Amino acid sequence: MAGLIIIAHAPLATALKTVAEHTFPNCGNMLEAFDVPADMPAEEIEAHARTLLARVRNPEALIFTDAFGATPSNVAQRLADGKQVKVIAGVNVPMLWRSLCYATEPLDTLVSRALAGAAQDVRL
């Protein structure tokens, strides 16, 4: 089962985790949130993120970030190995819920389901 981490600009990560816990009340042991403050040095952000990764990785983990190319995403990319730890930028609620529904599936399948959940719920 893959662990999940949300690394995002404050207060988004905690808000998303709260939404996840509303629908999946028992997800707390597999989902961590890290609200990155604007004034935290990148080295501290990475150190804290590595601690969270060690806590949820089992042995796989999926990291969500809010905006590709921003500090949270850059830190997440440094944690990813492309095999057992992967990163998806552009996290949204449907993506997170889909990931919680299918967290027991292999990581590549979980990534596909997360991306599909996000795309299918964007509507005009």
C-alpha atoms as a PDB file:
ATOM      1  CA  MET A   1       0.000   0.000   0.000  1.00  0.00           C
ATOM      2  CA  ALA A   2       1.388   3.370  -0.988  1.00  0.00           C
ATOM      3  CA  GLY A   3       1.624   6.143   1.531  1.00  0.00           C
ATOM      4  CA  LEU A   4       0.426   9.572   0.468  1.00  0.00           C
ATOM      5  CA  ILE A   5       1.891  13.009   1.187  1.00  0.00           C
ATOM      6  CA  ILE A   6       0.583  16.424   0.249  1.00  0.00           C
ATOM      7  CA  ILE A   7       3.302  19.090   0.083  1.00  0.00           C
ATOM      8  CA  ALA A   8       1.777  22.456  -0.772  1.00  0.00           C
ATOM      9  CA  HIS A   9       1.816  26.146  -0.015  1.00  0.00           C
ATOM     10  CA  ALA A  10       0.262  26.879   3.392  1.00  0.00           C
ATOM     11  CA  PRO A  11      -2.572  26.200   4.244  1.00  0.00           C
ATOM     12  CA  LEU A  12      -3.580  24.045   1.267  1.00  0.00           C
ATOM     13  CA  ALA A  13      -2.032  20.736   2.343  1.00  0.00           C
ATOM     14  CA  THR A  14      -3.808  20.693   5.694  1.00  0.00           C
ATOM     15  CA  ALA A  15      -7.076  21.783   4.095  1.00  0.00           C
ATOM     16  CA  LEU A  16      -6.894  18.910   1.607  1.00  0.00           C
ATOM     17  CA  LYS A  17      -6.073  16.427   4.353  1.00  0.00           C
ATOM     18  CA  THR A  18      -9.085  17.669   6.322  1.00  0.00           C
ATOM     19  CA  VAL A  19     -11.308  17.100   3.283  1.00  0.00           C
ATOM     20  CA  ALA A  20      -9.834  13.622   2.864  1.00  0.00           C
ATOM     21  CA  GLU A  21     -10.487  12.752   6.510  1.00  0.00           C
ATOM     22  CA  HIS A  22     -14.092  13.924   6.137  1.00  0.00           C
ATOM     23  CA  THR A  23     -14.699  11.231   3.527  1.00  0.00           C
ATOM     24  CA  PHE A  24     -12.104   8.683   4.680  1.00  0.00           C
ATOM     25  CA  PRO A  25     -11.959   9.071   8.487  1.00  0.00           C
ATOM     26  CA  ASN A  26      -9.359   6.310   8.907  1.00  0.00           C
ATOM     27  CA  CYS A  27      -6.842   7.606   6.350  1.00  0.00           C
ATOM     28  CA  GLY A  28      -4.681   9.407   8.927  1.00  0.00           C
ATOM     29  CA  ASN A  29      -2.007   6.700   9.124  1.00  0.00           C
ATOM     30  CA  MET A  30      -1.386   6.714   5.370  1.00  0.00           C
ATOM     31  CA  LEU A  31      -1.746  10.424   4.576  1.00  0.00           C
ATOM     32  CA  GLU A  32       0.528  13.253   5.692  1.00  0.00           C
ATOM     33  CA  ALA A  33       0.209  16.961   4.953  1.00  0.00           C
ATOM     34  CA  PHE A  34       2.951  19.568   4.907  1.00  0.00           C
ATOM     35  CA  ASP A  35       2.006  23.240   4.646  1.00  0.00           C
ATOM     36  CA  VAL A  36       5.121  24.949   3.343  1.00  0.00           C
ATOM     37  CA  PRO A  37       5.509  28.415   4.882  1.00  0.00           C
ATOM     38  CA  ALA A  38       6.772  31.198   2.648  1.00  0.00           C
ATOM     39  CA  ASP A  39       9.763  31.953   4.845  1.00  0.00           C
ATOM     40  CA  MET A  40      11.110  28.414   5.413  1.00  0.00           C
ATOM     41  CA  PRO A  41      14.518  27.663   3.866  1.00  0.00           C
ATOM     42  CA  ALA A  42      14.509  24.975   1.182  1.00  0.00           C
ATOM     43  CA  GLU A  43      16.869  22.747   3.207  1.00  0.00           C
ATOM     44  CA  GLU A  44      14.415  22.708   6.129  1.00  0.00           C
ATOM     45  CA  ILE A  45      11.502  22.011   3.804  1.00  0.00           C
ATOM     46  CA  GLU A  46      13.327  19.057   2.311  1.00  0.00           C
ATOM     47  CA  ALA A  47      14.378  17.690   5.714  1.00  0.00           C
ATOM     48  CA  HIS A  48      10.806  17.835   7.012  1.00  0.00           C
ATOM     49  CA  ALA A  49       9.447  16.282   3.813  1.00  0.00           C
ATOM     50  CA  ARG A  50      11.956  13.414   4.094  1.00  0.00           C
ATOM     51  CA  THR A  51      10.742  12.746   7.642  1.00  0.00           C
ATOM     52  CA  LEU A  52       7.146  12.543   6.428  1.00  0.00           C
ATOM     53  CA  LEU A  53       8.161  10.281   3.551  1.00  0.00           C
ATOM     54  CA  ALA A  54       9.889   7.890   5.938  1.00  0.00           C
ATOM     55  CA  ARG A  55       6.725   7.826   8.056  1.00  0.00           C
ATOM     56  CA  VAL A  56       4.286   6.875   5.257  1.00  0.00           C
ATOM     57  CA  ARG A  57       6.431   4.962   2.771  1.00  0.00           C
ATOM     58  CA  ASN A  58       5.419   1.314   2.743  1.00  0.00           C
ATOM     59  CA  PRO A  59       7.606   0.819   0.565  1.00  0.00           C
ATOM     60  CA  GLU A  60       5.900   3.034  -2.017  1.00  0.00           C
ATOM     61  CA  ALA A  61       4.688   6.606  -1.726  1.00  0.00           C
ATOM     62  CA  LEU A  62       2.857   9.117  -3.870  1.00  0.00           C
ATOM     63  CA  ILE A  63       3.541  12.792  -3.260  1.00  0.00           C
ATOM     64  CA  PHE A  64       1.051  15.460  -4.311  1.00  0.00           C
ATOM     65  CA  THR A  65       2.015  19.094  -4.808  1.00  0.00           C
ATOM     66  CA  ASP A  66      -0.015  22.127  -5.754  1.00  0.00           C
ATOM     67  CA  ALA A  67       1.960  23.855  -8.513  1.00  0.00           C
ATOM     68  CA  PHE A  68       4.657  22.409 -10.741  1.00  0.00           C
ATOM     69  CA  GLY A  69       7.904  24.396 -10.552  1.00  0.00           C
ATOM     70  CA  ALA A  70       7.161  26.010  -7.189  1.00  0.00           C
ATOM     71  CA  THR A  71       9.153  25.242  -4.034  1.00  0.00           C
ATOM     72  CA  PRO A  72       6.893  22.417  -2.752  1.00  0.00           C
ATOM     73  CA  SER A  73       7.043  20.712  -6.136  1.00  0.00           C
ATOM     74  CA  ASN A  74      10.806  21.152  -6.421  1.00  0.00           C
ATOM     75  CA  VAL A  75      11.312  19.582  -2.997  1.00  0.00           C
ATOM     76  CA  ALA A  76       8.965  16.711  -3.866  1.00  0.00           C
ATOM     77  CA  GLN A  77      10.893  16.055  -7.080  1.00  0.00           C
ATOM     78  CA  ARG A  78      14.097  15.672  -5.041  1.00  0.00           C
ATOM     79  CA  LEU A  79      12.383  12.976  -2.952  1.00  0.00           C
ATOM     80  CA  ALA A  80      11.099  11.008  -5.929  1.00  0.00           C
ATOM     81  CA  ASP A  81      13.031   8.111  -7.364  1.00  0.00           C
ATOM     82  CA  GLY A  82      10.604   7.426 -10.224  1.00  0.00           C
ATOM     83  CA  LYS A  83      10.051   3.839  -9.101  1.00  0.00           C
ATOM     84  CA  GLN A  84       8.810   3.653  -5.518  1.00  0.00           C
ATOM     85  CA  VAL A  85       8.236   7.358  -4.911  1.00  0.00           C
ATOM     86  CA  LYS A  86       6.416   9.427  -7.526  1.00  0.00           C
ATOM     87  CA  VAL A  87       5.107  12.989  -7.655  1.00  0.00           C
ATOM     88  CA  ILE A  88       1.944  14.470  -9.140  1.00  0.00           C
ATOM     89  CA  ALA A  89       1.563  18.255  -9.375  1.00  0.00           C
ATOM     90  CA  GLY A  90      -1.807  19.988  -9.496  1.00  0.00           C
ATOM     91  CA  VAL A  91      -3.458  18.160  -6.593  1.00  0.00           C
ATOM     92  CA  ASN A  92      -7.200  18.498  -6.236  1.00  0.00           C
ATOM     93  CA  VAL A  93      -9.897  16.841  -4.144  1.00  0.00           C
ATOM     94  CA  PRO A  94     -11.063  14.253  -6.731  1.00  0.00           C
ATOM     95  CA  MET A  95      -7.446  13.200  -7.302  1.00  0.00           C
ATOM     96  CA  LEU A  96      -6.917  12.749  -3.582  1.00  0.00           C
ATOM     97  CA  TRP A  97     -10.158  10.847  -3.032  1.00  0.00           C
ATOM     98  CA  ARG A  98      -9.425   8.550  -5.962  1.00  0.00           C
ATOM     99  CA  SER A  99      -5.970   7.845  -4.541  1.00  0.00           C
ATOM    100  CA  LEU A 100      -7.412   6.960  -1.157  1.00  0.00           C
ATOM    101  CA  CYS A 101      -9.922   4.603  -2.783  1.00  0.00           C
ATOM    102  CA  TYR A 102      -7.182   2.729  -4.641  1.00  0.00           C
ATOM    103  CA  ALA A 103      -4.193   3.080  -2.315  1.00  0.00           C
ATOM    104  CA  THR A 104      -3.730  -0.694  -2.162  1.00  0.00           C
ATOM    105  CA  GLU A 105      -3.014  -0.926  -5.896  1.00  0.00           C
ATOM    106  CA  PRO A 106       0.522  -0.831  -7.359  1.00  0.00           C
ATOM    107  CA  LEU A 107       2.014   2.657  -7.529  1.00  0.00           C
ATOM    108  CA  ASP A 108       1.848   2.997 -11.325  1.00  0.00           C
ATOM    109  CA  THR A 109      -1.841   2.031 -11.285  1.00  0.00           C
ATOM    110  CA  LEU A 110      -2.468   4.438  -8.415  1.00  0.00           C
ATOM    111  CA  VAL A 111      -0.847   7.281 -10.362  1.00  0.00           C
ATOM    112  CA  SER A 112      -3.025   6.527 -13.387  1.00  0.00           C
ATOM    113  CA  ARG A 113      -6.178   6.427 -11.281  1.00  0.00           C
ATOM    114  CA  ALA A 114      -5.261   9.696  -9.520  1.00  0.00           C
ATOM    115  CA  LEU A 115      -4.692  11.482 -12.823  1.00  0.00           C
ATOM    116  CA  ALA A 116      -7.915  10.092 -14.272  1.00  0.00           C
ATOM    117  CA  GLY A 117      -9.871  11.178 -11.214  1.00  0.00           C
ATOM    118  CA  ALA A 118      -8.524  14.688 -11.469  1.00  0.00           C
ATOM    119  CA  ALA A 119      -9.171  15.017 -15.199  1.00  0.00           C
ATOM    120  CA  GLN A 120     -12.631  13.468 -15.145  1.00  0.00           C
ATOM    121  CA  ASP A 121     -13.875  15.912 -12.530  1.00  0.00           C
ATOM    122  CA  VAL A 122     -12.744  19.076 -14.336  1.00  0.00           C
ATOM    123  CA  ARG A 123     -15.879  20.335 -16.077  1.00  0.00           C
ATOM    124  CA  LEU A 124     -17.144  23.378 -17.887  1.00  0.00           C
END
